[in-house]
Amino acid sequence: MAGKILIVDDVATNRIVLKVKLASACYDTLQAANGTEALRLAHAERPDLILLDVQLPDMNGIAVCAALKADPATRAIPVVMVSTFRDPASKLRALRAGADEFLSKPLDEVVLLARMRSLLRARETEEELRLRDTTSRELGFAEVADSFDAPATIALVAARRDVALSWKRDLAPHLQDRLLVLDREDVLAETLTGTGQAAPDLFLLAADLALPGEGLRLMSELRSRSATRHAAICIALPPLAPETAAMALDLGASDVIAATACPEETALRLRCQIRRKRQADRLRAQVADGLRMAVIDPLTGLYNRRYALPHLARIAERAQQTGRHFALMLLDLDRFKLVNDGWGHAAGDAVLVEVAERLRSNLRAVDLVARLGGEEFLVAMPDTRLETGRETAERLRRVIEERPVTLPFGQGMVPVTVSIGLAIGGGPRNAIAPVDELMCRADHALLGSKAEGRNLVTISRPAA
């Protein structure tokens, strides 16, 4: 998950040390020595994340953070504030200004990189939401209005019930949300995760429940369940547990919070995660409902050509701005006419619906999957290089091939395969190919898969 990181620190040696650490993790870096330069670079370069020192020569780092978060152009950029101060008041000032994290020097490299990975994952969802909103407006639809957010439901799960009750008592003055005290069995109960009762929006879990690390195992269980996989999950950590913090973030925790943090800090962090969770909910709701009548294929539920091509153009435009790659696949079912001729159009429809579901369930939320027409599909994957694109295309080919499709009306099962053409766009800004050219390359690669015997992935190589 490489990205562009802006380092803001007035001490040159600090900037150099951070640059070396981030370069070893394959991040590109920009540097600023003061707040004014930081604001200029944030607007001009649109970094993926900003590491911002509190003490700067021309303006306070907290003021820089507040300015970034007040500007719609830079509001979504995650800001990690860094300081020699360790007092709770400094951390609260930073979080109130909109900082996504506050870390004290000397920085623990493992925790820093884990926190950055977590924030960059969250940013991907926010960026995709804005991208899809832009696509919708260019299709002539009104901008989605901000909705009123009802109080959230927050589940508090600690090793002992009295500890969770103390969390509830301390947090209640700072939150208008519904606070539930639950134990592990309550969390996993069928009444909570079934259709009869909505799951909490956020879980605050102690890292250690009955056993050390059991909170992390519970988090993994929640992520595996359909009713709770999209909930925000924060882990309350004992003091001096940097390795557990890094592990929790890499396992999918939305945030890690010191068990000794003051109630206001905890409340600020929980509200931030609820906001992000609702943004992700909005993205999923927009995919499912927002443009269904005009841009959703009624048979498969995938996007249709009308939506896919403008959205692909937006993906290419963003790749041009960032210098990153993206993958484009064209997929065509092999000998599909034989299904229609041999079993009828209802059988053909069943095959298309099943193939669409397999594609959708094997791609990321940020990826675009569409039915272009007939038996042809399109997949576009932002921020994807050749090797990942090839692996994904092969995986999609296998999941279509490995299990026959059950036909309606007791007609039995039919084997299905797919041919795929893959092209990679983006990269260095002077090497960006137009979308039409990229579509043509993917189409030629698809024809190559057909000519070589079908059920293959062929990769388009750009002309020298």
Protein backbone atom coordinates (compact mmCIF):
# COMPACT_ATOMS: atom_id res chain seq x y z
CA MET A 1 0.00 0.00 0.00
CA ALA A 2 2.66 2.48 -1.06
CA GLY A 3 1.71 6.14 -0.94
CA LYS A 4 3.01 9.69 -0.92
CA ILE A 5 3.80 10.97 2.59
CA LEU A 6 4.40 14.64 3.48
CA ILE A 7 6.86 15.04 6.38
CA VAL A 8 6.57 18.39 8.17
CA ASP A 9 9.34 19.12 10.70
CA ASP A 10 11.61 22.12 11.15
CA VAL A 11 14.58 19.91 12.13
CA ALA A 12 16.34 18.59 9.03
CA THR A 13 17.76 15.51 10.77
CA ASN A 14 14.27 14.48 11.90
CA ARG A 15 13.02 14.75 8.32
CA ILE A 16 15.94 12.70 7.01
CA VAL A 17 15.47 9.93 9.58
CA LEU A 18 11.75 9.69 8.80
CA LYS A 19 12.42 9.73 5.07
CA VAL A 20 14.82 6.78 5.39
CA LYS A 21 12.35 4.79 7.51
CA LEU A 22 9.49 5.43 5.10
CA ALA A 23 11.60 4.73 2.02
CA SER A 24 12.46 1.30 3.43
CA ALA A 25 8.70 0.66 3.57
CA CYS A 26 8.35 1.77 -0.09
CA TYR A 27 6.70 5.13 0.61
CA ASP A 28 7.47 8.22 -1.45
CA THR A 29 8.10 11.32 0.64
CA LEU A 30 7.80 15.08 0.42
CA GLN A 31 9.35 17.42 2.98
CA ALA A 32 8.37 20.76 4.48
CA ALA A 33 10.22 22.75 7.14
CA ASN A 34 7.36 25.02 8.23
CA GLY A 35 3.58 25.32 8.27
CA THR A 36 3.28 27.62 5.27
CA GLU A 37 5.25 25.25 3.06
CA ALA A 38 3.24 22.32 4.40
CA LEU A 39 -0.07 23.93 3.40
CA ARG A 40 1.30 24.76 -0.05
CA LEU A 41 2.53 21.21 -0.67
CA ALA A 42 -0.69 19.70 0.65
CA HIS A 43 -2.65 21.63 -1.99
CA ALA A 44 -0.17 21.17 -4.82
CA GLU A 45 0.79 17.51 -4.32
CA ARG A 46 -2.22 16.03 -2.50
CA PRO A 47 -0.21 13.60 -0.36
CA ASP A 48 -1.85 10.43 0.92
CA LEU A 49 -0.87 11.17 4.52
CA ILE A 50 0.84 13.96 6.47
CA LEU A 51 3.25 13.50 9.38
CA LEU A 52 3.05 16.88 11.13
CA ASP A 53 5.25 18.08 13.98
CA VAL A 54 3.50 20.21 16.59
CA GLN A 55 6.33 22.73 16.97
CA LEU A 56 7.04 24.70 13.78
CA PRO A 57 8.86 28.02 13.36
CA ASP A 58 6.11 30.04 11.67
CA MET A 59 2.87 28.59 13.06
CA ASN A 60 1.74 25.95 15.50
CA GLY A 61 1.29 22.49 14.02
CA ILE A 62 -2.19 22.28 15.53
CA ALA A 63 -3.15 25.42 13.58
CA VAL A 64 -1.80 23.78 10.41
CA CYS A 65 -3.90 20.69 11.12
CA ALA A 66 -7.02 22.78 11.71
CA ALA A 67 -6.44 24.63 8.42
CA LEU A 68 -6.04 21.35 6.53
CA LYS A 69 -9.23 19.91 8.01
CA ALA A 70 -11.21 23.11 7.36
CA ASP A 71 -10.34 23.11 3.65
CA PRO A 72 -12.51 20.77 1.51
CA ALA A 73 -9.54 20.20 -0.81
CA THR A 74 -7.36 18.71 1.96
CA ARG A 75 -9.90 17.63 4.57
CA ALA A 76 -9.69 13.93 3.71
CA ILE A 77 -5.88 13.69 4.00
CA PRO A 78 -5.03 11.78 7.20
CA VAL A 79 -2.87 13.82 9.58
CA VAL A 80 -0.61 12.17 12.17
CA MET A 81 0.69 14.75 14.64
CA VAL A 82 4.10 14.14 16.20
CA SER A 83 5.43 15.82 19.32
CA THR A 84 7.89 15.56 22.19
CA PHE A 85 4.95 16.37 24.48
CA ARG A 86 3.33 13.42 26.22
CA ASP A 87 0.71 15.19 28.33
CA PRO A 88 -2.99 14.42 27.70
CA ALA A 89 -3.79 18.10 27.06
CA SER A 90 -1.51 18.23 24.00
CA LYS A 91 -3.08 15.08 22.58
CA LEU A 92 -6.60 16.45 23.14
CA ARG A 93 -5.76 19.73 21.39
CA ALA A 94 -4.51 17.80 18.37
CA LEU A 95 -7.54 15.49 18.21
CA ARG A 96 -9.95 18.43 18.59
CA ALA A 97 -8.21 20.10 15.64
CA GLY A 98 -9.01 17.06 13.53
CA ALA A 99 -5.78 15.06 13.78
CA ASP A 100 -6.26 11.39 12.99
CA GLU A 101 -3.53 10.34 15.39
CA PHE A 102 -1.09 11.83 17.90
CA LEU A 103 2.25 10.08 18.48
CA SER A 104 4.95 11.06 20.95
CA LYS A 105 8.66 11.08 20.19
CA PRO A 106 10.74 9.00 19.99
CA LEU A 107 8.54 7.27 17.45
CA ASP A 108 8.10 3.51 17.61
CA GLU A 109 8.67 2.52 13.97
CA VAL A 110 6.47 -0.59 14.12
CA VAL A 111 3.51 1.33 15.56
CA LEU A 112 4.03 4.27 13.19
CA LEU A 113 3.98 2.09 10.07
CA ALA A 114 0.99 0.06 11.30
CA ARG A 115 -0.93 3.25 12.05
CA MET A 116 -0.08 4.65 8.62
CA ARG A 117 -1.29 1.48 6.90
CA SER A 118 -4.55 1.64 8.84
CA LEU A 119 -5.16 5.30 7.97
CA LEU A 120 -4.32 4.76 4.31
CA ARG A 121 -6.83 1.91 4.13
CA ALA A 122 -9.51 4.18 5.59
CA ARG A 123 -8.58 6.92 3.12
CA GLU A 124 -9.13 4.55 0.19
CA THR A 125 -12.79 4.21 1.15
CA GLU A 126 -13.24 7.98 1.43
CA GLU A 127 -11.52 8.56 -1.91
CA GLU A 128 -13.71 5.96 -3.61
CA LEU A 129 -16.84 7.63 -2.21
CA ARG A 130 -15.83 10.97 -3.69
CA LEU A 131 -14.91 9.32 -6.99
CA ARG A 132 -18.31 7.66 -7.30
CA ASP A 133 -20.10 10.88 -6.33
CA THR A 134 -18.23 12.68 -9.12
CA THR A 135 -19.15 9.97 -11.62
CA SER A 136 -22.81 10.19 -10.61
CA ARG A 137 -22.90 13.96 -11.05
CA GLU A 138 -21.29 13.71 -14.48
CA LEU A 139 -24.05 11.30 -15.46
CA GLY A 140 -26.53 14.06 -14.62
CA PHE A 141 -27.66 12.93 -11.17
CA ALA A 142 -27.98 15.28 -8.24
CA GLU A 143 -25.28 15.29 -5.60
CA VAL A 144 -26.15 13.04 -2.68
CA ALA A 145 -27.42 15.23 0.13
CA ASP A 146 -25.97 14.99 3.61
CA SER A 147 -28.29 12.99 5.79
CA PHE A 148 -29.09 13.46 9.46
CA ASP A 149 -27.09 10.99 11.51
CA ALA A 150 -29.00 9.39 14.35
CA PRO A 151 -27.08 8.43 17.50
CA ALA A 152 -24.87 5.41 16.96
CA THR A 153 -24.86 2.20 18.97
CA ILE A 154 -21.55 1.46 20.70
CA ALA A 155 -20.86 -1.92 22.31
CA LEU A 156 -18.43 -1.97 25.24
CA VAL A 157 -16.73 -5.32 25.86
CA ALA A 158 -14.17 -5.66 28.67
CA ALA A 159 -12.64 -8.54 30.60
CA ARG A 160 -14.97 -7.79 33.52
CA ARG A 161 -18.43 -6.30 33.45
CA ASP A 162 -17.58 -3.69 36.09
CA VAL A 163 -14.78 -2.36 33.85
CA ALA A 164 -17.18 -2.00 30.91
CA LEU A 165 -19.69 -0.27 33.20
CA SER A 166 -16.98 2.21 34.24
CA TRP A 167 -16.26 2.89 30.55
CA LYS A 168 -19.95 3.59 30.03
CA ARG A 169 -20.10 5.92 33.03
CA ASP A 170 -17.01 7.86 31.92
CA LEU A 171 -18.00 8.12 28.24
CA ALA A 172 -21.66 9.03 28.70
CA PRO A 173 -21.03 12.77 29.34
CA HIS A 174 -19.01 13.03 26.10
CA LEU A 175 -21.20 11.03 23.72
CA GLN A 176 -24.83 11.23 22.67
CA ASP A 177 -24.73 7.68 21.38
CA ARG A 178 -26.30 4.54 22.84
CA LEU A 179 -23.77 2.66 24.98
CA LEU A 180 -24.27 -1.08 25.51
CA VAL A 181 -22.31 -3.19 28.00
CA LEU A 182 -21.90 -6.68 26.55
CA ASP A 183 -19.80 -9.75 27.19
CA ARG A 184 -18.23 -11.97 24.56
CA GLU A 185 -21.23 -14.30 24.46
CA ASP A 186 -23.63 -11.36 23.99
CA VAL A 187 -21.57 -10.09 21.07
CA LEU A 188 -21.66 -13.42 19.27
CA ALA A 189 -25.27 -14.27 20.13
CA GLU A 190 -27.59 -15.00 17.24
CA THR A 191 -30.04 -12.32 18.41
CA LEU A 192 -27.33 -9.72 17.91
CA THR A 193 -25.91 -10.88 14.60
CA GLY A 194 -29.14 -12.10 13.05
CA THR A 195 -31.72 -10.15 11.13
CA GLY A 196 -33.91 -9.43 14.13
CA GLN A 197 -31.67 -6.79 15.70
CA ALA A 198 -29.25 -4.34 14.13
CA ALA A 199 -25.62 -4.88 15.06
CA PRO A 200 -23.73 -2.09 16.86
CA ASP A 201 -22.04 0.57 14.74
CA LEU A 202 -18.87 0.33 16.82
CA PHE A 203 -17.27 -2.15 19.21
CA LEU A 204 -14.80 -1.07 21.89
CA LEU A 205 -13.01 -4.30 22.85
CA ALA A 206 -10.42 -4.89 25.52
CA ALA A 207 -7.37 -6.51 23.93
CA ASP A 208 -7.30 -9.08 26.74
CA LEU A 209 -10.61 -10.63 27.76
CA ALA A 210 -10.70 -13.97 29.57
CA LEU A 211 -7.34 -14.79 27.95
CA PRO A 212 -4.47 -12.63 26.64
CA GLY A 213 -5.17 -11.54 23.07
CA GLU A 214 -8.76 -12.81 23.13
CA GLY A 215 -10.04 -9.37 22.14
CA LEU A 216 -8.11 -9.61 18.88
CA ARG A 217 -9.55 -13.05 18.21
CA LEU A 218 -13.04 -11.69 18.89
CA MET A 219 -12.34 -8.87 16.42
CA SER A 220 -11.42 -11.43 13.75
CA GLU A 221 -14.65 -13.30 14.44
CA LEU A 222 -16.68 -10.10 14.08
CA ARG A 223 -14.94 -9.30 10.79
CA SER A 224 -15.96 -12.72 9.47
CA ARG A 225 -19.68 -12.26 10.18
CA SER A 226 -21.89 -10.52 7.64
CA ALA A 227 -23.80 -8.55 10.27
CA THR A 228 -20.69 -7.07 11.91
CA ARG A 229 -17.92 -7.10 9.30
CA HIS A 230 -18.51 -3.43 8.46
CA ALA A 231 -18.67 -2.22 12.07
CA ALA A 232 -15.91 0.00 13.43
CA ILE A 233 -13.79 -1.89 15.95
CA CYS A 234 -11.52 -0.14 18.46
CA ILE A 235 -9.15 -2.05 20.72
CA ALA A 236 -8.43 -0.85 24.27
CA LEU A 237 -4.80 -1.65 25.02
CA PRO A 238 -2.88 -1.94 28.27
CA PRO A 239 0.00 0.54 28.70
CA LEU A 240 3.30 -0.14 26.93
CA ALA A 241 1.98 -2.62 24.39
CA PRO A 242 3.33 -1.34 21.04
CA GLU A 243 3.56 -4.77 19.41
CA THR A 244 -0.05 -5.57 20.32
CA ALA A 245 -1.11 -2.17 18.95
CA ALA A 246 0.63 -2.81 15.64
CA MET A 247 -0.82 -6.32 15.40
CA ALA A 248 -4.34 -5.05 16.13
CA LEU A 249 -4.13 -2.40 13.42
CA ASP A 250 -2.79 -4.84 10.84
CA LEU A 251 -5.51 -7.36 11.73
CA GLY A 252 -8.16 -4.76 10.90
CA ALA A 253 -8.77 -2.67 14.02
CA SER A 254 -10.18 0.74 13.16
CA ASP A 255 -8.22 2.32 16.01
CA VAL A 256 -6.26 1.38 19.12
CA ILE A 257 -6.84 3.33 22.32
CA ALA A 258 -4.79 3.20 25.50
CA ALA A 259 -6.87 1.86 28.36
CA THR A 260 -5.47 4.74 30.43
CA ALA A 261 -6.65 7.42 27.95
CA CYS A 262 -8.93 10.07 29.38
CA PRO A 263 -12.65 9.77 28.53
CA GLU A 264 -12.62 12.81 26.24
CA GLU A 265 -9.80 11.38 24.12
CA THR A 266 -11.58 8.04 23.87
CA ALA A 267 -14.83 9.78 22.90
CA LEU A 268 -13.09 11.84 20.20
CA ARG A 269 -11.55 8.71 18.71
CA LEU A 270 -14.84 6.80 18.80
CA ARG A 271 -16.71 9.64 17.06
CA CYS A 272 -14.04 9.74 14.34
CA GLN A 273 -14.48 6.03 13.69
CA ILE A 274 -18.27 6.31 13.65
CA ARG A 275 -17.98 9.06 11.03
CA ARG A 276 -15.75 6.87 8.88
CA LYS A 277 -18.03 3.89 9.31
CA ARG A 278 -21.00 5.92 8.14
CA GLN A 279 -19.06 7.14 5.14
CA ALA A 280 -18.33 3.52 4.23
CA ASP A 281 -22.01 2.66 4.76
CA ARG A 282 -22.92 5.49 2.43
CA LEU A 283 -20.62 4.08 -0.24
CA ARG A 284 -22.18 0.64 -0.01
CA ALA A 285 -25.70 2.08 -0.02
CA GLN A 286 -24.88 4.15 -3.09
CA VAL A 287 -23.53 1.10 -4.87
CA ALA A 288 -26.69 -0.85 -4.03
CA ASP A 289 -29.40 1.77 -4.42
CA GLY A 290 -28.26 5.22 -5.49
CA LEU A 291 -28.23 4.85 -9.26
CA ARG A 292 -29.89 1.48 -9.66
CA MET A 293 -32.57 2.34 -12.18
CA ALA A 294 -30.26 4.13 -14.61
CA VAL A 295 -26.86 2.54 -14.24
CA ILE A 296 -27.42 -0.94 -12.79
CA ASP A 297 -27.85 -3.95 -15.04
CA PRO A 298 -31.25 -5.31 -13.94
CA LEU A 299 -30.31 -8.95 -14.46
CA THR A 300 -26.99 -9.18 -12.62
CA GLY A 301 -27.12 -6.15 -10.34
CA LEU A 302 -23.73 -5.00 -11.66
CA TYR A 303 -23.04 -1.57 -13.10
CA ASN A 304 -23.83 -1.26 -16.78
CA ARG A 305 -21.85 0.33 -19.61
CA ARG A 306 -23.41 3.74 -19.02
CA TYR A 307 -21.87 3.94 -15.57
CA ALA A 308 -18.72 1.90 -16.17
CA LEU A 309 -17.11 3.97 -18.92
CA PRO A 310 -17.35 7.39 -17.18
CA HIS A 311 -16.18 5.80 -13.93
CA LEU A 312 -13.25 4.19 -15.72
CA ALA A 313 -12.34 7.64 -17.05
CA ARG A 314 -12.32 8.97 -13.46
CA ILE A 315 -10.04 6.12 -12.37
CA ALA A 316 -7.67 6.94 -15.23
CA GLU A 317 -7.79 10.64 -14.35
CA ARG A 318 -6.87 9.93 -10.75
CA ALA A 319 -4.04 7.64 -11.88
CA GLN A 320 -2.73 10.49 -14.03
CA GLN A 321 -2.81 12.84 -11.03
CA THR A 322 -1.03 10.42 -8.70
CA GLY A 323 1.29 8.59 -11.10
CA ARG A 324 -0.09 5.23 -9.93
CA HIS A 325 -1.20 2.23 -11.96
CA PHE A 326 -4.61 0.67 -12.41
CA ALA A 327 -5.73 -2.61 -13.96
CA LEU A 328 -8.42 -3.03 -16.63
CA MET A 329 -9.86 -6.43 -17.51
CA LEU A 330 -12.34 -7.42 -20.18
CA LEU A 331 -13.94 -10.82 -19.56
CA ASP A 332 -16.05 -12.86 -21.97
CA LEU A 333 -17.82 -16.14 -21.21
CA ASP A 334 -16.66 -18.96 -23.45
CA ARG A 335 -19.19 -20.56 -25.83
CA PHE A 336 -22.07 -18.86 -24.05
CA LYS A 337 -24.31 -19.24 -27.11
CA LEU A 338 -24.30 -23.00 -26.56
CA VAL A 339 -25.91 -22.48 -23.15
CA ASN A 340 -28.72 -20.36 -24.61
CA ASP A 341 -29.24 -22.74 -27.53
CA GLY A 342 -29.05 -25.93 -25.48
CA TRP A 343 -30.89 -25.01 -22.29
CA GLY A 344 -32.78 -21.81 -23.12
CA HIS A 345 -32.45 -18.16 -22.19
CA ALA A 346 -33.51 -18.73 -18.56
CA ALA A 347 -30.46 -20.96 -18.18
CA GLY A 348 -28.30 -18.32 -19.83
CA ASP A 349 -29.62 -15.72 -17.41
CA ALA A 350 -28.82 -18.00 -14.46
CA VAL A 351 -25.24 -18.35 -15.70
CA LEU A 352 -24.83 -14.58 -16.04
CA VAL A 353 -26.21 -13.95 -12.54
CA GLU A 354 -23.93 -16.56 -10.97
CA VAL A 355 -20.83 -15.31 -12.80
CA ALA A 356 -21.60 -11.74 -11.74
CA GLU A 357 -21.87 -12.82 -8.10
CA ARG A 358 -18.57 -14.70 -8.23
CA LEU A 359 -16.81 -11.68 -9.72
CA ARG A 360 -18.31 -9.30 -7.18
CA SER A 361 -17.46 -11.46 -4.17
CA ASN A 362 -13.83 -11.84 -5.25
CA LEU A 363 -13.02 -8.14 -5.71
CA ARG A 364 -12.44 -5.22 -3.35
CA ALA A 365 -15.11 -2.65 -2.51
CA VAL A 366 -13.07 -0.02 -4.38
CA ASP A 367 -12.94 -2.07 -7.59
CA LEU A 368 -15.37 -1.52 -10.46
CA VAL A 369 -17.13 -4.56 -11.92
CA ALA A 370 -19.69 -4.07 -14.70
CA ARG A 371 -21.60 -5.97 -17.35
CA LEU A 372 -20.95 -4.31 -20.68
CA GLY A 373 -23.59 -6.32 -22.50
CA GLY A 374 -24.34 -9.90 -23.49
CA GLU A 375 -21.75 -12.14 -21.86
CA GLU A 376 -19.00 -9.49 -21.60
CA PHE A 377 -17.86 -8.00 -18.28
CA LEU A 378 -15.43 -5.25 -17.28
CA VAL A 379 -13.29 -5.03 -14.13
CA ALA A 380 -11.22 -1.96 -13.19
CA MET A 381 -8.92 -1.98 -10.16
CA PRO A 382 -7.50 1.35 -8.93
CA ASP A 383 -3.96 1.49 -7.52
CA THR A 384 -3.03 -1.92 -8.96
CA ARG A 385 0.22 -2.95 -10.62
CA LEU A 386 0.78 -5.69 -13.18
CA GLU A 387 1.58 -8.54 -10.79
CA THR A 388 -1.49 -7.93 -8.62
CA GLY A 389 -3.65 -7.52 -11.72
CA ARG A 390 -2.37 -10.80 -13.15
CA GLU A 391 -2.96 -12.66 -9.88
CA THR A 392 -6.48 -11.25 -9.60
CA ALA A 393 -7.33 -12.13 -13.21
CA GLU A 394 -6.14 -15.70 -12.68
CA ARG A 395 -8.15 -15.94 -9.47
CA LEU A 396 -11.30 -14.73 -11.25
CA ARG A 397 -10.72 -17.22 -14.06
CA ARG A 398 -10.38 -20.05 -11.54
CA VAL A 399 -13.49 -19.17 -9.50
CA ILE A 400 -15.57 -19.20 -12.69
CA GLU A 401 -14.12 -22.52 -13.88
CA GLU A 402 -13.90 -24.51 -10.67
CA ARG A 403 -17.62 -24.94 -9.96
CA PRO A 404 -20.37 -25.62 -12.53
CA VAL A 405 -23.45 -23.39 -12.48
CA THR A 406 -26.73 -24.91 -11.29
CA LEU A 407 -29.47 -24.30 -13.86
CA PRO A 408 -33.11 -23.54 -13.02
CA PHE A 409 -36.07 -25.91 -13.33
CA GLY A 410 -33.99 -28.99 -12.51
CA GLN A 411 -31.96 -28.78 -15.71
CA GLY A 412 -28.80 -29.89 -13.94
CA MET A 413 -25.45 -28.12 -13.99
CA VAL A 414 -23.32 -26.61 -16.74
CA PRO A 415 -19.55 -25.94 -16.70
CA VAL A 416 -18.59 -22.34 -17.43
CA THR A 417 -15.24 -20.79 -18.31
CA VAL A 418 -14.15 -17.26 -19.08
CA SER A 419 -11.47 -15.66 -21.25
CA ILE A 420 -9.80 -12.52 -19.91
CA GLY A 421 -7.80 -9.71 -21.46
CA LEU A 422 -5.74 -7.60 -19.03
CA ALA A 423 -4.19 -4.18 -19.61
CA ILE A 424 -2.39 -1.92 -17.12
CA GLY A 425 -2.85 1.85 -17.23
CA GLY A 426 -1.31 4.73 -15.32
CA GLY A 427 2.27 4.86 -14.12
CA PRO A 428 4.67 7.70 -15.00
CA ARG A 429 2.69 10.77 -15.95
CA ASN A 430 4.25 11.06 -19.39
CA ALA A 431 3.29 7.46 -20.20
CA ILE A 432 -0.47 7.62 -19.58
CA ALA A 433 -2.47 5.94 -22.35
CA PRO A 434 -5.95 7.27 -23.22
CA VAL A 435 -8.83 5.18 -21.89
CA ASP A 436 -9.94 4.29 -25.43
CA GLU A 437 -6.47 2.95 -26.21
CA LEU A 438 -6.42 0.96 -22.98
CA MET A 439 -9.84 -0.55 -23.77
CA CYS A 440 -8.54 -1.49 -27.22
CA ARG A 441 -5.48 -3.17 -25.72
CA ALA A 442 -7.59 -5.15 -23.25
CA ASP A 443 -9.93 -6.17 -26.08
CA HIS A 444 -7.04 -7.39 -28.23
CA ALA A 445 -5.72 -9.35 -25.24
CA LEU A 446 -9.18 -10.89 -24.80
CA LEU A 447 -9.22 -11.92 -28.46
CA GLY A 448 -5.80 -13.47 -27.89
CA SER A 449 -7.21 -15.58 -25.05
CA LYS A 450 -10.00 -16.77 -27.35
CA ALA A 451 -7.57 -17.58 -30.16
CA GLU A 452 -5.26 -19.55 -27.88
CA GLY A 453 -8.00 -21.91 -26.77
CA ARG A 454 -10.19 -19.95 -24.30
CA ASN A 455 -10.25 -20.12 -20.48
CA LEU A 456 -7.03 -18.09 -20.41
CA VAL A 457 -5.70 -14.76 -19.16
CA THR A 458 -3.76 -12.76 -21.75
CA ILE A 459 -1.83 -9.64 -20.78
CA SER A 460 -1.58 -6.72 -23.17
CA ARG A 461 1.88 -5.29 -23.57
CA PRO A 462 2.01 -1.57 -24.44
CA ALA A 463 3.65 -0.69 -27.71
CA ALA A 464 7.33 0.18 -27.43
